[in-house]
Amino acid sequence: MKEYIEDRVLEIARYIIDNKATVRGAAKVFNVSKSTVHKDVHERLLHINRDLYRKCRSILETNKAERHIRGGMATREKYLRQHDM
């Protein structure tokens, strides 16, 4: 694997762990696609650093479990803003 890819994988993983970020949030910060972030943290990271992989996966699993709640809150806020106008 090329060195710049390994560096990106480690940076993304550390960002997700430090900020409890989502795949989508990390993709925006690093200006890459969600698919790239997903592949980086689900496939490549395992071969580079198993400890970071476990921590990162734990956070992403938590995010996945909570996503329906965040989606509902976003919809609620949307309708509240529309009502205030």
PDB file of N, CA and C in Angstrom:
ATOM      1  N   MET A   1       0.841  -1.174   0.000  1.00  0.00           N
ATOM      2  CA  MET A   1       0.000   0.000   0.000  1.00  0.00           C
ATOM      3  C   MET A   1       0.889   1.242   0.000  1.00  0.00           C
ATOM      4  N   LYS A   2       0.479   2.243  -0.754  1.00  0.00           N
ATOM      5  CA  LYS A   2       1.285   3.457  -0.847  1.00  0.00           C
ATOM      6  C   LYS A   2       1.260   4.226   0.466  1.00  0.00           C
ATOM      7  N   GLU A   3       2.371   4.891   0.736  1.00  0.00           N
ATOM      8  CA  GLU A   3       2.532   5.572   2.016  1.00  0.00           C
ATOM      9  C   GLU A   3       1.486   6.654   2.241  1.00  0.00           C
ATOM     10  N   TYR A   4       1.146   7.411   1.196  1.00  0.00           N
ATOM     11  CA  TYR A   4       0.175   8.486   1.385  1.00  0.00           C
ATOM     12  C   TYR A   4      -1.212   7.932   1.733  1.00  0.00           C
ATOM     13  N   ILE A   5      -1.525   6.734   1.258  1.00  0.00           N
ATOM     14  CA  ILE A   5      -2.806   6.115   1.608  1.00  0.00           C
ATOM     15  C   ILE A   5      -2.792   5.698   3.074  1.00  0.00           C
ATOM     16  N   GLU A   6      -1.690   5.085   3.513  1.00  0.00           N
ATOM     17  CA  GLU A   6      -1.570   4.703   4.922  1.00  0.00           C
ATOM     18  C   GLU A   6      -1.685   5.920   5.829  1.00  0.00           C
ATOM     19  N   ASP A   7      -1.033   7.015   5.447  1.00  0.00           N
ATOM     20  CA  ASP A   7      -1.105   8.244   6.237  1.00  0.00           C
ATOM     21  C   ASP A   7      -2.546   8.748   6.325  1.00  0.00           C
ATOM     22  N   ARG A   8      -3.259   8.727   5.199  1.00  0.00           N
ATOM     23  CA  ARG A   8      -4.649   9.187   5.175  1.00  0.00           C
ATOM     24  C   ARG A   8      -5.518   8.299   6.060  1.00  0.00           C
ATOM     25  N   VAL A   9      -5.319   6.991   5.969  1.00  0.00           N
ATOM     26  CA  VAL A   9      -6.102   6.048   6.763  1.00  0.00           C
ATOM     27  C   VAL A   9      -5.920   6.340   8.254  1.00  0.00           C
ATOM     28  N   LEU A  10      -4.676   6.529   8.676  1.00  0.00           N
ATOM     29  CA  LEU A  10      -4.400   6.801  10.091  1.00  0.00           C
ATOM     30  C   LEU A  10      -4.967   8.150  10.519  1.00  0.00           C
ATOM     31  N   GLU A  11      -4.866   9.155   9.665  1.00  0.00           N
ATOM     32  CA  GLU A  11      -5.417  10.475  10.002  1.00  0.00           C
ATOM     33  C   GLU A  11      -6.933  10.413  10.143  1.00  0.00           C
ATOM     34  N   ILE A  12      -7.587   9.737   9.230  1.00  0.00           N
ATOM     35  CA  ILE A  12      -9.040   9.620   9.290  1.00  0.00           C
ATOM     36  C   ILE A  12      -9.459   8.863  10.547  1.00  0.00           C
ATOM     37  N   ALA A  13      -8.774   7.779  10.843  1.00  0.00           N
ATOM     38  CA  ALA A  13      -9.113   6.985  12.030  1.00  0.00           C
ATOM     39  C   ALA A  13      -8.943   7.812  13.300  1.00  0.00           C
ATOM     40  N   ARG A  14      -7.845   8.538  13.404  1.00  0.00           N
ATOM     41  CA  ARG A  14      -7.626   9.374  14.593  1.00  0.00           C
ATOM     42  C   ARG A  14      -8.682  10.468  14.697  1.00  0.00           C
ATOM     43  N   TYR A  15      -9.062  11.042  13.559  1.00  0.00           N
ATOM     44  CA  TYR A  15     -10.095  12.076  13.555  1.00  0.00           C
ATOM     45  C   TYR A  15     -11.425  11.504  14.050  1.00  0.00           C
ATOM     46  N   ILE A  16     -11.797  10.342  13.560  1.00  0.00           N
ATOM     47  CA  ILE A  16     -13.053   9.713  13.977  1.00  0.00           C
ATOM     48  C   ILE A  16     -13.026   9.413  15.463  1.00  0.00           C
ATOM     49  N   ILE A  17     -11.929   8.900  15.954  1.00  0.00           N
ATOM     50  CA  ILE A  17     -11.816   8.565  17.374  1.00  0.00           C
ATOM     51  C   ILE A  17     -11.834   9.824  18.235  1.00  0.00           C
ATOM     52  N   ASP A  18     -11.054  10.831  17.865  1.00  0.00           N
ATOM     53  CA  ASP A  18     -10.964  12.055  18.668  1.00  0.00           C
ATOM     54  C   ASP A  18     -12.263  12.843  18.695  1.00  0.00           C
ATOM     55  N   ASN A  19     -13.000  12.842  17.568  1.00  0.00           N
ATOM     56  CA  ASN A  19     -14.199  13.670  17.454  1.00  0.00           C
ATOM     57  C   ASN A  19     -15.500  12.880  17.464  1.00  0.00           C
ATOM     58  N   LYS A  20     -15.392  11.557  17.623  1.00  0.00           N
ATOM     59  CA  LYS A  20     -16.564  10.682  17.546  1.00  0.00           C
ATOM     60  C   LYS A  20     -17.362  11.009  16.285  1.00  0.00           C
ATOM     61  N   ALA A  21     -16.637  11.168  15.203  1.00  0.00           N
ATOM     62  CA  ALA A  21     -17.211  11.602  13.932  1.00  0.00           C
ATOM     63  C   ALA A  21     -17.878  10.455  13.184  1.00  0.00           C
ATOM     64  N   THR A  22     -18.761  10.823  12.285  1.00  0.00           N
ATOM     65  CA  THR A  22     -19.403   9.858  11.394  1.00  0.00           C
ATOM     66  C   THR A  22     -18.554   9.716  10.136  1.00  0.00           C
ATOM     67  N   VAL A  23     -18.866   8.713   9.337  1.00  0.00           N
ATOM     68  CA  VAL A  23     -18.175   8.527   8.060  1.00  0.00           C
ATOM     69  C   VAL A  23     -18.393   9.765   7.192  1.00  0.00           C
ATOM     70  N   ARG A  24     -19.626  10.249   7.150  1.00  0.00           N
ATOM     71  CA  ARG A  24     -19.955  11.416   6.340  1.00  0.00           C
ATOM     72  C   ARG A  24     -19.192  12.658   6.819  1.00  0.00           C
ATOM     73  N   GLY A  25     -19.109  12.831   8.137  1.00  0.00           N
ATOM     74  CA  GLY A  25     -18.383  13.978   8.685  1.00  0.00           C
ATOM     75  C   GLY A  25     -16.898  13.916   8.374  1.00  0.00           C
ATOM     76  N   ALA A  26     -16.320  12.739   8.500  1.00  0.00           N
ATOM     77  CA  ALA A  26     -14.895  12.576   8.193  1.00  0.00           C
ATOM     78  C   ALA A  26     -14.640  12.799   6.710  1.00  0.00           C
ATOM     79  N   ALA A  27     -15.549  12.343   5.867  1.00  0.00           N
ATOM     80  CA  ALA A  27     -15.389  12.524   4.423  1.00  0.00           C
ATOM     81  C   ALA A  27     -15.352  14.004   4.062  1.00  0.00           C
ATOM     82  N   LYS A  28     -16.202  14.799   4.700  1.00  0.00           N
ATOM     83  CA  LYS A  28     -16.207  16.244   4.437  1.00  0.00           C
ATOM     84  C   LYS A  28     -14.899  16.888   4.858  1.00  0.00           C
ATOM     85  N   VAL A  29     -14.425  16.542   6.042  1.00  0.00           N
ATOM     86  CA  VAL A  29     -13.196  17.146   6.566  1.00  0.00           C
ATOM     87  C   VAL A  29     -11.993  16.805   5.700  1.00  0.00           C
ATOM     88  N   PHE A  30     -11.905  15.569   5.235  1.00  0.00           N
ATOM     89  CA  PHE A  30     -10.739  15.131   4.463  1.00  0.00           C
ATOM     90  C   PHE A  30     -10.943  15.243   2.956  1.00  0.00           C
ATOM     91  N   ASN A  31     -12.104  15.749   2.559  1.00  0.00           N
ATOM     92  CA  ASN A  31     -12.397  15.999   1.153  1.00  0.00           C
ATOM     93  C   ASN A  31     -12.241  14.734   0.296  1.00  0.00           C
ATOM     94  N   VAL A  32     -12.786  13.638   0.810  1.00  0.00           N
ATOM     95  CA  VAL A  32     -12.824  12.378   0.079  1.00  0.00           C
ATOM     96  C   VAL A  32     -14.260  11.860   0.129  1.00  0.00           C
ATOM     97  N   SER A  33     -14.558  10.831  -0.633  1.00  0.00           N
ATOM     98  CA  SER A  33     -15.912  10.288  -0.650  1.00  0.00           C
ATOM     99  C   SER A  33     -16.179   9.440   0.599  1.00  0.00           C
ATOM    100  N   LYS A  34     -17.472   9.239   0.880  1.00  0.00           N
ATOM    101  CA  LYS A  34     -17.849   8.370   1.992  1.00  0.00           C
ATOM    102  C   LYS A  34     -17.348   6.954   1.739  1.00  0.00           C
ATOM    103  N   SER A  35     -17.354   6.547   0.475  1.00  0.00           N
ATOM    104  CA  SER A  35     -16.873   5.202   0.119  1.00  0.00           C
ATOM    105  C   SER A  35     -15.399   5.039   0.465  1.00  0.00           C
ATOM    106  N   THR A  36     -14.623   6.087   0.226  1.00  0.00           N
ATOM    107  CA  THR A  36     -13.194   6.037   0.541  1.00  0.00           C
ATOM    108  C   THR A  36     -12.981   5.926   2.037  1.00  0.00           C
ATOM    109  N   VAL A  37     -13.698   6.732   2.813  1.00  0.00           N
ATOM    110  CA  VAL A  37     -13.578   6.663   4.277  1.00  0.00           C
ATOM    111  C   VAL A  37     -13.987   5.280   4.756  1.00  0.00           C
ATOM    112  N   HIS A  38     -15.087   4.784   4.235  1.00  0.00           N
ATOM    113  CA  HIS A  38     -15.573   3.468   4.644  1.00  0.00           C
ATOM    114  C   HIS A  38     -14.525   2.388   4.356  1.00  0.00           C
ATOM    115  N   LYS A  39     -13.969   2.405   3.159  1.00  0.00           N
ATOM    116  CA  LYS A  39     -12.951   1.405   2.796  1.00  0.00           C
ATOM    117  C   LYS A  39     -11.706   1.565   3.664  1.00  0.00           C
ATOM    118  N   ASP A  40     -11.319   2.817   3.912  1.00  0.00           N
ATOM    119  CA  ASP A  40     -10.139   3.078   4.743  1.00  0.00           C
ATOM    120  C   ASP A  40     -10.291   2.499   6.144  1.00  0.00           C
ATOM    121  N   VAL A  41     -11.423   2.754   6.796  1.00  0.00           N
ATOM    122  CA  VAL A  41     -11.554   2.347   8.195  1.00  0.00           C
ATOM    123  C   VAL A  41     -12.071   0.929   8.366  1.00  0.00           C
ATOM    124  N   HIS A  42     -12.698   0.364   7.347  1.00  0.00           N
ATOM    125  CA  HIS A  42     -13.216  -0.991   7.480  1.00  0.00           C
ATOM    126  C   HIS A  42     -12.299  -2.054   6.905  1.00  0.00           C
ATOM    127  N   GLU A  43     -11.458  -1.699   5.964  1.00  0.00           N
ATOM    128  CA  GLU A  43     -10.580  -2.696   5.348  1.00  0.00           C
ATOM    129  C   GLU A  43      -9.103  -2.387   5.572  1.00  0.00           C
ATOM    130  N   ARG A  44      -8.680  -1.222   5.166  1.00  0.00           N
ATOM    131  CA  ARG A  44      -7.254  -0.896   5.206  1.00  0.00           C
ATOM    132  C   ARG A  44      -6.718  -0.743   6.622  1.00  0.00           C
ATOM    133  N   LEU A  45      -7.495  -0.126   7.502  1.00  0.00           N
ATOM    134  CA  LEU A  45      -7.029   0.134   8.865  1.00  0.00           C
ATOM    135  C   LEU A  45      -6.721  -1.164   9.608  1.00  0.00           C
ATOM    136  N   LEU A  46      -7.476  -2.198   9.363  1.00  0.00           N
ATOM    137  CA  LEU A  46      -7.249  -3.490  10.024  1.00  0.00           C
ATOM    138  C   LEU A  46      -5.835  -4.002   9.770  1.00  0.00           C
ATOM    139  N   HIS A  47      -5.318  -3.791   8.574  1.00  0.00           N
ATOM    140  CA  HIS A  47      -3.983  -4.270   8.224  1.00  0.00           C
ATOM    141  C   HIS A  47      -2.875  -3.327   8.689  1.00  0.00           C
ATOM    142  N   ILE A  48      -3.243  -2.091   9.018  1.00  0.00           N
ATOM    143  CA  ILE A  48      -2.240  -1.104   9.411  1.00  0.00           C
ATOM    144  C   ILE A  48      -2.095  -1.032  10.929  1.00  0.00           C
ATOM    145  N   ASN A  49      -3.236  -0.945  11.645  1.00  0.00           N
ATOM    146  CA  ASN A  49      -3.184  -0.771  13.095  1.00  0.00           C
ATOM    147  C   ASN A  49      -4.455  -1.362  13.709  1.00  0.00           C
ATOM    148  N   ARG A  50      -4.350  -2.537  14.282  1.00  0.00           N
ATOM    149  CA  ARG A  50      -5.521  -3.231  14.827  1.00  0.00           C
ATOM    150  C   ARG A  50      -6.151  -2.504  16.010  1.00  0.00           C
ATOM    151  N   ASP A  51      -5.338  -1.877  16.839  1.00  0.00           N
ATOM    152  CA  ASP A  51      -5.876  -1.166  18.002  1.00  0.00           C
ATOM    153  C   ASP A  51      -6.740   0.015  17.556  1.00  0.00           C
ATOM    154  N   LEU A  52      -6.235   0.817  16.622  1.00  0.00           N
ATOM    155  CA  LEU A  52      -7.029   1.934  16.091  1.00  0.00           C
ATOM    156  C   LEU A  52      -8.277   1.407  15.394  1.00  0.00           C
ATOM    157  N   TYR A  53      -8.154   0.288  14.709  1.00  0.00           N
ATOM    158  CA  TYR A  53      -9.290  -0.319  14.022  1.00  0.00           C
ATOM    159  C   TYR A  53     -10.406  -0.631  15.015  1.00  0.00           C
ATOM    160  N   ARG A  54     -10.067  -1.252  16.125  1.00  0.00           N
ATOM    161  CA  ARG A  54     -11.078  -1.612  17.127  1.00  0.00           C
ATOM    162  C   ARG A  54     -11.758  -0.377  17.702  1.00  0.00           C
ATOM    163  N   LYS A  55     -10.966   0.645  18.029  1.00  0.00           N
ATOM    164  CA  LYS A  55     -11.537   1.881  18.584  1.00  0.00           C
ATOM    165  C   LYS A  55     -12.443   2.577  17.568  1.00  0.00           C
ATOM    166  N   CYS A  56     -11.978   2.656  16.355  1.00  0.00           N
ATOM    167  CA  CYS A  56     -12.719   3.324  15.292  1.00  0.00           C
ATOM    168  C   CYS A  56     -14.025   2.575  15.007  1.00  0.00           C
ATOM    169  N   ARG A  57     -13.956   1.276  14.906  1.00  0.00           N
ATOM    170  CA  ARG A  57     -15.160   0.478  14.640  1.00  0.00           C
ATOM    171  C   ARG A  57     -16.189   0.633  15.751  1.00  0.00           C
ATOM    172  N   SER A  58     -15.716   0.718  16.989  1.00  0.00           N
ATOM    173  CA  SER A  58     -16.624   0.890  18.118  1.00  0.00           C
ATOM    174  C   SER A  58     -17.414   2.197  17.978  1.00  0.00           C
ATOM    175  N   ILE A  59     -16.727   3.261  17.638  1.00  0.00           N
ATOM    176  CA  ILE A  59     -17.382   4.558  17.468  1.00  0.00           C
ATOM    177  C   ILE A  59     -18.347   4.525  16.295  1.00  0.00           C
ATOM    178  N   LEU A  60     -17.938   3.924  15.195  1.00  0.00           N
ATOM    179  CA  LEU A  60     -18.814   3.863  14.025  1.00  0.00           C
ATOM    180  C   LEU A  60     -20.034   2.981  14.281  1.00  0.00           C
ATOM    181  N   GLU A  61     -19.892   1.939  15.064  1.00  0.00           N
ATOM    182  CA  GLU A  61     -21.046   1.106  15.416  1.00  0.00           C
ATOM    183  C   GLU A  61     -22.024   1.887  16.287  1.00  0.00           C
ATOM    184  N   THR A  62     -21.494   2.682  17.218  1.00  0.00           N
ATOM    185  CA  THR A  62     -22.348   3.535  18.043  1.00  0.00           C
ATOM    186  C   THR A  62     -23.094   4.536  17.174  1.00  0.00           C
ATOM    187  N   ASN A  63     -22.375   5.170  16.247  1.00  0.00           N
ATOM    188  CA  ASN A  63     -23.005   6.125  15.332  1.00  0.00           C
ATOM    189  C   ASN A  63     -24.104   5.452  14.520  1.00  0.00           C
ATOM    190  N   LYS A  64     -23.839   4.247  14.072  1.00  0.00           N
ATOM    191  CA  LYS A  64     -24.822   3.522  13.264  1.00  0.00           C
ATOM    192  C   LYS A  64     -26.070   3.217  14.089  1.00  0.00           C
ATOM    193  N   ALA A  65     -25.877   2.857  15.344  1.00  0.00           N
ATOM    194  CA  ALA A  65     -27.004   2.542  16.214  1.00  0.00           C
ATOM    195  C   ALA A  65     -27.838   3.783  16.536  1.00  0.00           C
ATOM    196  N   GLU A  66     -27.211   4.950  16.523  1.00  0.00           N
ATOM    197  CA  GLU A  66     -27.904   6.193  16.889  1.00  0.00           C
ATOM    198  C   GLU A  66     -28.409   6.979  15.686  1.00  0.00           C
ATOM    199  N   ARG A  67     -28.143   6.541  14.478  1.00  0.00           N
ATOM    200  CA  ARG A  67     -28.449   7.364  13.315  1.00  0.00           C
ATOM    201  C   ARG A  67     -29.934   7.629  13.134  1.00  0.00           C
ATOM    202  N   HIS A  68     -30.774   6.682  13.510  1.00  0.00           N
ATOM    203  CA  HIS A  68     -32.210   6.928  13.372  1.00  0.00           C
ATOM    204  C   HIS A  68     -32.681   8.035  14.306  1.00  0.00           C
ATOM    205  N   ILE A  69     -32.033   8.158  15.448  1.00  0.00           N
ATOM    206  CA  ILE A  69     -32.375   9.226  16.396  1.00  0.00           C
ATOM    207  C   ILE A  69     -31.957  10.578  15.835  1.00  0.00           C
ATOM    208  N   ARG A  70     -30.732  10.656  15.305  1.00  0.00           N
ATOM    209  CA  ARG A  70     -30.266  11.914  14.713  1.00  0.00           C
ATOM    210  C   ARG A  70     -31.127  12.323  13.526  1.00  0.00           C
ATOM    211  N   GLY A  71     -31.536  11.353  12.731  1.00  0.00           N
ATOM    212  CA  GLY A  71     -32.390  11.646  11.578  1.00  0.00           C
ATOM    213  C   GLY A  71     -33.736  12.195  12.009  1.00  0.00           C
ATOM    214  N   GLY A  72     -34.304  11.611  13.042  1.00  0.00           N
ATOM    215  CA  GLY A  72     -35.582  12.097  13.571  1.00  0.00           C
ATOM    216  C   GLY A  72     -35.464  13.504  14.132  1.00  0.00           C
ATOM    217  N   MET A  73     -34.364  13.774  14.811  1.00  0.00           N
ATOM    218  CA  MET A  73     -34.147  15.117  15.372  1.00  0.00           C
ATOM    219  C   MET A  73     -33.979  16.143  14.251  1.00  0.00           C
ATOM    220  N   ALA A  74     -33.278  15.770  13.195  1.00  0.00           N
ATOM    221  CA  ALA A  74     -33.082  16.681  12.073  1.00  0.00           C
ATOM    222  C   ALA A  74     -34.416  16.992  11.401  1.00  0.00           C
ATOM    223  N   THR A  75     -35.265  15.989  11.242  1.00  0.00           N
ATOM    224  CA  THR A  75     -36.577  16.205  10.641  1.00  0.00           C
ATOM    225  C   THR A  75     -37.426  17.106  11.529  1.00  0.00           C
ATOM    226  N   ARG A  76     -37.380  16.894  12.823  1.00  0.00           N
ATOM    227  CA  ARG A  76     -38.132  17.729  13.767  1.00  0.00           C
ATOM    228  C   ARG A  76     -37.691  19.182  13.668  1.00  0.00           C
ATOM    229  N   GLU A  77     -36.383  19.396  13.656  1.00  0.00           N
ATOM    230  CA  GLU A  77     -35.851  20.757  13.536  1.00  0.00           C
ATOM    231  C   GLU A  77     -36.278  21.400  12.224  1.00  0.00           C
ATOM    232  N   LYS A  78     -36.287  20.633  11.167  1.00  0.00           N
ATOM    233  CA  LYS A  78     -36.692  21.151   9.858  1.00  0.00           C
ATOM    234  C   LYS A  78     -38.124  21.670   9.911  1.00  0.00           C
ATOM    235  N   TYR A  79     -39.020  20.888  10.491  1.00  0.00           N
ATOM    236  CA  TYR A  79     -40.419  21.295  10.550  1.00  0.00           C
ATOM    237  C   TYR A  79     -40.633  22.434  11.536  1.00  0.00           C
ATOM    238  N   LEU A  80     -39.878  22.468  12.589  1.00  0.00           N
ATOM    239  CA  LEU A  80     -39.981  23.597  13.529  1.00  0.00           C
ATOM    240  C   LEU A  80     -39.533  24.900  12.871  1.00  0.00           C
ATOM    241  N   ARG A  81     -38.469  24.842  12.076  1.00  0.00           N
ATOM    242  CA  ARG A  81     -37.997  26.046  11.351  1.00  0.00           C
ATOM    243  C   ARG A  81     -39.028  26.501  10.336  1.00  0.00           C
ATOM    244  N   GLN A  82     -39.640  25.549   9.645  1.00  0.00           N
ATOM    245  CA  GLN A  82     -40.659  25.907   8.653  1.00  0.00           C
ATOM    246  C   GLN A  82     -41.877  26.528   9.323  1.00  0.00           C
ATOM    247  N   HIS A  83     -42.228  26.053  10.497  1.00  0.00           N
ATOM    248  CA  HIS A  83     -43.388  26.578  11.234  1.00  0.00           C
ATOM    249  C   HIS A  83     -43.135  27.989  11.715  1.00  0.00           C
ATOM    250  N   ASP A  84     -41.899  28.308  12.083  1.00  0.00           N
ATOM    251  CA  ASP A  84     -41.552  29.634  12.596  1.00  0.00           C
ATOM    252  C   ASP A  84     -41.564  30.692  11.520  1.00  0.00           C
ATOM    253  N   MET A  85     -41.453  30.307  10.259  1.00  0.00           N
ATOM    254  CA  MET A  85     -41.377  31.286   9.178  1.00  0.00           C
ATOM    255  C   MET A  85     -42.683  31.898   8.898  1.00  0.00           C
TER     256      MET A  85
END
